[in-house]
Amino acid sequence: MKKILLVEDDALLNKTLTYNLISEGYDTVSALNAGTAAQLQLFFSSKVFRYSNICLLSCTMPFSVHI
């Protein structure tokens, strides 16, 4: 199964995209900002496998990572 990390700062759009991707059969995890996405990616990469096959990132989102 394809795994997707969705990063979108608009909460309604994030929820809608996540719902649609899950409905289409994708294993999807979403984050509302880049910092949370980085933490999720680090958490899952600390496991034996890497979580996402692809990361969908909002191009207009401010980028600030504080881990």
Protein backbone atom coordinates (compact mmCIF):
# COMPACT_ATOMS: atom_id res chain seq x y z
CA MET A 1 0.00 0.00 0.00
CA LYS A 2 1.28 3.47 -0.88
CA LYS A 3 1.93 5.66 2.14
CA ILE A 4 1.40 9.42 1.96
CA LEU A 5 2.46 12.20 4.30
CA LEU A 6 0.18 15.17 3.63
CA VAL A 7 1.29 18.60 4.86
CA GLU A 8 -1.33 21.35 4.49
CA ASP A 9 -1.81 24.30 6.84
CA ASP A 10 -5.44 24.95 5.89
CA ALA A 11 -7.29 22.70 8.36
CA LEU A 12 -10.41 22.18 6.23
CA LEU A 13 -8.41 21.40 3.08
CA ASN A 14 -6.14 19.10 5.11
CA LYS A 15 -9.11 17.16 6.47
CA THR A 16 -10.79 16.97 3.03
CA LEU A 17 -7.65 15.78 1.23
CA THR A 18 -6.90 13.23 3.97
CA TYR A 19 -10.45 11.88 3.78
CA ASN A 20 -10.31 11.60 -0.02
CA LEU A 21 -6.89 9.91 -0.04
CA ILE A 22 -7.99 7.38 2.60
CA SER A 23 -11.22 6.77 0.64
CA GLU A 24 -9.09 5.94 -2.40
CA GLY A 25 -7.15 3.37 -0.38
CA TYR A 26 -3.98 5.29 0.49
CA ASP A 27 -2.41 4.94 3.94
CA THR A 28 -2.35 8.64 4.85
CA VAL A 29 -0.97 10.66 7.75
CA SER A 30 -1.47 14.42 7.78
CA ALA A 31 0.19 17.38 9.46
CA LEU A 32 -0.86 21.02 9.70
CA ASN A 33 2.68 22.44 9.57
CA ALA A 34 6.21 21.59 8.50
CA GLY A 35 7.44 21.14 12.07
CA THR A 36 4.84 18.48 12.82
CA ALA A 37 5.55 16.78 9.48
CA ALA A 38 9.27 16.65 10.27
CA GLN A 39 8.53 15.16 13.69
CA LEU A 40 6.23 12.54 12.14
CA GLN A 41 8.85 11.64 9.54
CA LEU A 42 11.54 11.36 12.24
CA PHE A 43 9.24 9.25 14.43
CA PHE A 44 8.41 6.81 11.66
CA SER A 45 11.99 6.69 10.32
CA SER A 46 13.18 5.70 13.79
CA LYS A 47 11.24 2.49 13.19
CA VAL A 48 12.52 -0.23 10.89
CA PHE A 49 10.78 1.34 7.87
CA ARG A 50 10.40 4.80 6.39
CA TYR A 51 6.79 5.93 6.65
CA SER A 52 5.95 7.85 3.52
CA ASN A 53 6.47 6.89 -0.09
CA ILE A 54 5.52 10.45 -1.02
CA CYS A 55 5.03 13.74 0.78
CA LEU A 56 2.38 16.15 -0.51
CA LEU A 57 3.38 19.62 0.66
CA SER A 58 1.48 22.89 0.39
CA CYS A 59 3.62 25.29 -1.67
CA THR A 60 2.23 28.41 0.02
CA MET A 61 2.79 27.25 3.60
CA PRO A 62 5.37 29.16 5.64
CA PHE A 63 8.34 26.91 6.34
CA SER A 64 9.67 26.87 9.89
CA VAL A 65 10.98 23.76 11.59
CA HIS A 66 11.63 23.71 15.32
CA ILE A 67 12.34 20.20 16.54
